[in-house]
Amino acid sequence: MSAEIKNALERLPRLPRHCNSWVAVSKTTGEVAVETFDPRVAASIDQEKYNVIPAYEWLVSLNNRRAQ
């Protein structure tokens, strides 16, 4: 594994105990581009264009928006 991938893996947000995936959310549109269960895929996503967050965090944000 390359040093670049290792560094990217270390920067990924930790998944909550009950969550098994990350989503890539476009910084320009706010829409989810992809969901992945593979930390190597999550680490390889262009983080200048996308926020990579636990899927649970994304779902909570959707519920909060609907509640408002």
N, C-alpha and C. Protein backbone atom coordinates (compact mmCIF):
# COMPACT_ATOMS: atom_id res chain seq x y z
N MET A 1 0.85 -1.17 0.00
CA MET A 1 0.00 0.00 0.00
C MET A 1 0.90 1.24 0.00
N SER A 2 0.56 2.19 -0.86
CA SER A 2 1.39 3.39 -0.98
C SER A 2 1.22 4.29 0.24
N ALA A 3 2.21 5.14 0.45
CA ALA A 3 2.15 6.09 1.57
C ALA A 3 0.98 7.05 1.39
N GLU A 4 0.68 7.40 0.15
CA GLU A 4 -0.44 8.32 -0.12
C GLU A 4 -1.77 7.70 0.32
N ILE A 5 -1.96 6.43 0.01
CA ILE A 5 -3.20 5.74 0.42
C ILE A 5 -3.25 5.62 1.94
N LYS A 6 -2.13 5.29 2.57
CA LYS A 6 -2.10 5.19 4.03
C LYS A 6 -2.49 6.50 4.67
N ASN A 7 -1.95 7.61 4.16
CA ASN A 7 -2.29 8.93 4.70
C ASN A 7 -3.76 9.24 4.51
N ALA A 8 -4.29 8.90 3.34
CA ALA A 8 -5.70 9.14 3.06
C ALA A 8 -6.59 8.31 4.00
N LEU A 9 -6.20 7.07 4.25
CA LEU A 9 -6.96 6.22 5.17
C LEU A 9 -6.99 6.81 6.57
N GLU A 10 -5.87 7.38 6.98
CA GLU A 10 -5.80 7.97 8.33
C GLU A 10 -6.68 9.21 8.43
N ARG A 11 -6.92 9.91 7.33
CA ARG A 11 -7.75 11.13 7.33
C ARG A 11 -9.24 10.84 7.27
N LEU A 12 -9.61 9.62 6.93
CA LEU A 12 -11.03 9.28 6.86
C LEU A 12 -11.68 9.42 8.23
N PRO A 13 -12.91 9.94 8.26
CA PRO A 13 -13.60 9.97 9.55
C PRO A 13 -13.89 8.55 10.02
N ARG A 14 -13.74 8.33 11.29
CA ARG A 14 -14.03 7.01 11.86
C ARG A 14 -15.52 6.75 11.76
N LEU A 15 -15.84 5.51 11.49
CA LEU A 15 -17.25 5.13 11.41
C LEU A 15 -17.80 4.86 12.80
N PRO A 16 -19.01 5.36 13.08
CA PRO A 16 -19.64 5.00 14.34
C PRO A 16 -19.83 3.48 14.41
N ARG A 17 -19.98 2.98 15.58
CA ARG A 17 -20.09 1.53 15.79
C ARG A 17 -21.20 0.89 14.96
N HIS A 18 -22.29 1.60 14.76
CA HIS A 18 -23.46 1.07 14.06
C HIS A 18 -23.49 1.43 12.57
N CYS A 19 -22.41 1.95 12.04
CA CYS A 19 -22.36 2.39 10.65
C CYS A 19 -21.22 1.68 9.93
N ASN A 20 -21.47 1.25 8.69
CA ASN A 20 -20.46 0.47 7.97
C ASN A 20 -20.05 1.07 6.64
N SER A 21 -20.45 2.32 6.37
CA SER A 21 -20.11 2.88 5.06
C SER A 21 -19.90 4.39 5.15
N TRP A 22 -19.28 4.90 4.09
CA TRP A 22 -19.08 6.34 3.92
C TRP A 22 -19.85 6.77 2.69
N VAL A 23 -20.20 8.05 2.64
CA VAL A 23 -20.76 8.64 1.43
C VAL A 23 -19.88 9.81 1.03
N ALA A 24 -19.80 10.04 -0.29
CA ALA A 24 -19.10 11.20 -0.82
C ALA A 24 -20.16 12.21 -1.21
N VAL A 25 -20.13 13.37 -0.55
CA VAL A 25 -21.12 14.42 -0.79
C VAL A 25 -20.44 15.54 -1.56
N SER A 26 -21.02 15.90 -2.71
CA SER A 26 -20.47 16.96 -3.54
C SER A 26 -20.47 18.28 -2.78
N LYS A 27 -19.34 18.96 -2.80
CA LYS A 27 -19.26 20.26 -2.13
C LYS A 27 -20.03 21.33 -2.89
N THR A 28 -20.23 21.15 -4.19
CA THR A 28 -20.95 22.15 -4.99
C THR A 28 -22.45 21.95 -4.98
N THR A 29 -22.91 20.71 -5.01
CA THR A 29 -24.35 20.46 -5.10
C THR A 29 -24.97 19.97 -3.80
N GLY A 30 -24.16 19.40 -2.91
CA GLY A 30 -24.68 18.82 -1.68
C GLY A 30 -25.30 17.46 -1.87
N GLU A 31 -25.19 16.90 -3.07
CA GLU A 31 -25.78 15.60 -3.36
C GLU A 31 -24.75 14.49 -3.14
N VAL A 32 -25.26 13.31 -2.77
CA VAL A 32 -24.38 12.15 -2.59
C VAL A 32 -24.01 11.61 -3.97
N ALA A 33 -22.72 11.43 -4.18
CA ALA A 33 -22.24 10.88 -5.45
C ALA A 33 -22.06 9.38 -5.38
N VAL A 34 -21.64 8.89 -4.20
CA VAL A 34 -21.37 7.46 -4.07
C VAL A 34 -21.39 7.06 -2.60
N GLU A 35 -21.78 5.82 -2.36
CA GLU A 35 -21.64 5.22 -1.03
C GLU A 35 -20.69 4.04 -1.19
N THR A 36 -19.79 3.89 -0.23
CA THR A 36 -18.84 2.77 -0.30
C THR A 36 -18.63 2.17 1.08
N PHE A 37 -18.41 0.86 1.06
CA PHE A 37 -18.10 0.12 2.28
C PHE A 37 -16.60 -0.14 2.39
N ASP A 38 -15.87 0.19 1.34
CA ASP A 38 -14.44 -0.09 1.25
C ASP A 38 -13.64 1.15 1.65
N PRO A 39 -12.88 1.09 2.73
CA PRO A 39 -12.12 2.27 3.16
C PRO A 39 -11.11 2.73 2.11
N ARG A 40 -10.59 1.82 1.30
CA ARG A 40 -9.64 2.23 0.26
C ARG A 40 -10.33 3.07 -0.81
N VAL A 41 -11.56 2.73 -1.14
CA VAL A 41 -12.32 3.54 -2.10
C VAL A 41 -12.64 4.90 -1.49
N ALA A 42 -13.10 4.91 -0.24
CA ALA A 42 -13.41 6.17 0.43
C ALA A 42 -12.18 7.07 0.49
N ALA A 43 -11.03 6.48 0.76
CA ALA A 43 -9.79 7.26 0.86
C ALA A 43 -9.34 7.80 -0.49
N SER A 44 -9.74 7.16 -1.58
CA SER A 44 -9.29 7.59 -2.90
C SER A 44 -10.17 8.68 -3.51
N ILE A 45 -11.27 9.03 -2.87
CA ILE A 45 -12.18 10.05 -3.40
C ILE A 45 -11.53 11.42 -3.29
N ASP A 46 -11.70 12.23 -4.33
CA ASP A 46 -11.13 13.58 -4.39
C ASP A 46 -11.79 14.46 -3.33
N GLN A 47 -11.06 14.70 -2.25
CA GLN A 47 -11.64 15.44 -1.13
C GLN A 47 -11.64 16.95 -1.34
N GLU A 48 -11.12 17.41 -2.47
CA GLU A 48 -11.29 18.82 -2.83
C GLU A 48 -12.69 19.05 -3.40
N LYS A 49 -13.27 18.01 -4.00
CA LYS A 49 -14.60 18.11 -4.60
C LYS A 49 -15.70 17.52 -3.74
N TYR A 50 -15.34 16.58 -2.85
CA TYR A 50 -16.33 15.85 -2.08
C TYR A 50 -15.96 15.80 -0.60
N ASN A 51 -16.98 15.88 0.24
CA ASN A 51 -16.81 15.59 1.66
C ASN A 51 -17.12 14.11 1.84
N VAL A 52 -16.21 13.39 2.45
CA VAL A 52 -16.41 11.97 2.72
C VAL A 52 -16.79 11.85 4.19
N ILE A 53 -18.01 11.39 4.42
CA ILE A 53 -18.54 11.32 5.78
C ILE A 53 -19.21 9.96 6.00
N PRO A 54 -19.34 9.56 7.26
CA PRO A 54 -20.08 8.32 7.53
C PRO A 54 -21.52 8.44 7.02
N ALA A 55 -22.03 7.37 6.46
CA ALA A 55 -23.40 7.38 5.94
C ALA A 55 -24.40 7.76 7.03
N TYR A 56 -24.17 7.32 8.25
CA TYR A 56 -25.06 7.66 9.35
C TYR A 56 -25.16 9.17 9.52
N GLU A 57 -24.04 9.86 9.43
CA GLU A 57 -24.02 11.32 9.56
C GLU A 57 -24.88 11.96 8.46
N TRP A 58 -24.79 11.43 7.26
CA TRP A 58 -25.59 11.94 6.15
C TRP A 58 -27.09 11.73 6.42
N LEU A 59 -27.44 10.54 6.88
CA LEU A 59 -28.84 10.25 7.15
C LEU A 59 -29.41 11.14 8.26
N VAL A 60 -28.61 11.38 9.28
CA VAL A 60 -29.05 12.28 10.36
C VAL A 60 -29.29 13.68 9.80
N SER A 61 -28.42 14.15 8.92
CA SER A 61 -28.59 15.49 8.35
C SER A 61 -29.86 15.57 7.50
N LEU A 62 -30.18 14.48 6.78
CA LEU A 62 -31.43 14.46 6.01
C LEU A 62 -32.64 14.54 6.93
N ASN A 63 -32.63 13.79 8.00
CA ASN A 63 -33.75 13.82 8.95
C ASN A 63 -33.89 15.19 9.59
N ASN A 64 -32.77 15.83 9.92
CA ASN A 64 -32.82 17.16 10.53
C ASN A 64 -33.42 18.18 9.56
N ARG A 65 -33.08 18.08 8.28
CA ARG A 65 -33.63 19.01 7.29
C ARG A 65 -35.13 18.81 7.12
N ARG A 66 -35.59 17.58 7.16
CA ARG A 66 -37.02 17.30 7.02
C ARG A 66 -37.80 17.78 8.24
N ALA A 67 -37.16 17.76 9.40
CA ALA A 67 -37.84 18.15 10.63
C ALA A 67 -38.01 19.66 10.72
N GLN A 68 -37.25 20.40 9.96
CA GLN A 68 -37.32 21.87 10.06
C GLN A 68 -38.47 22.45 9.32
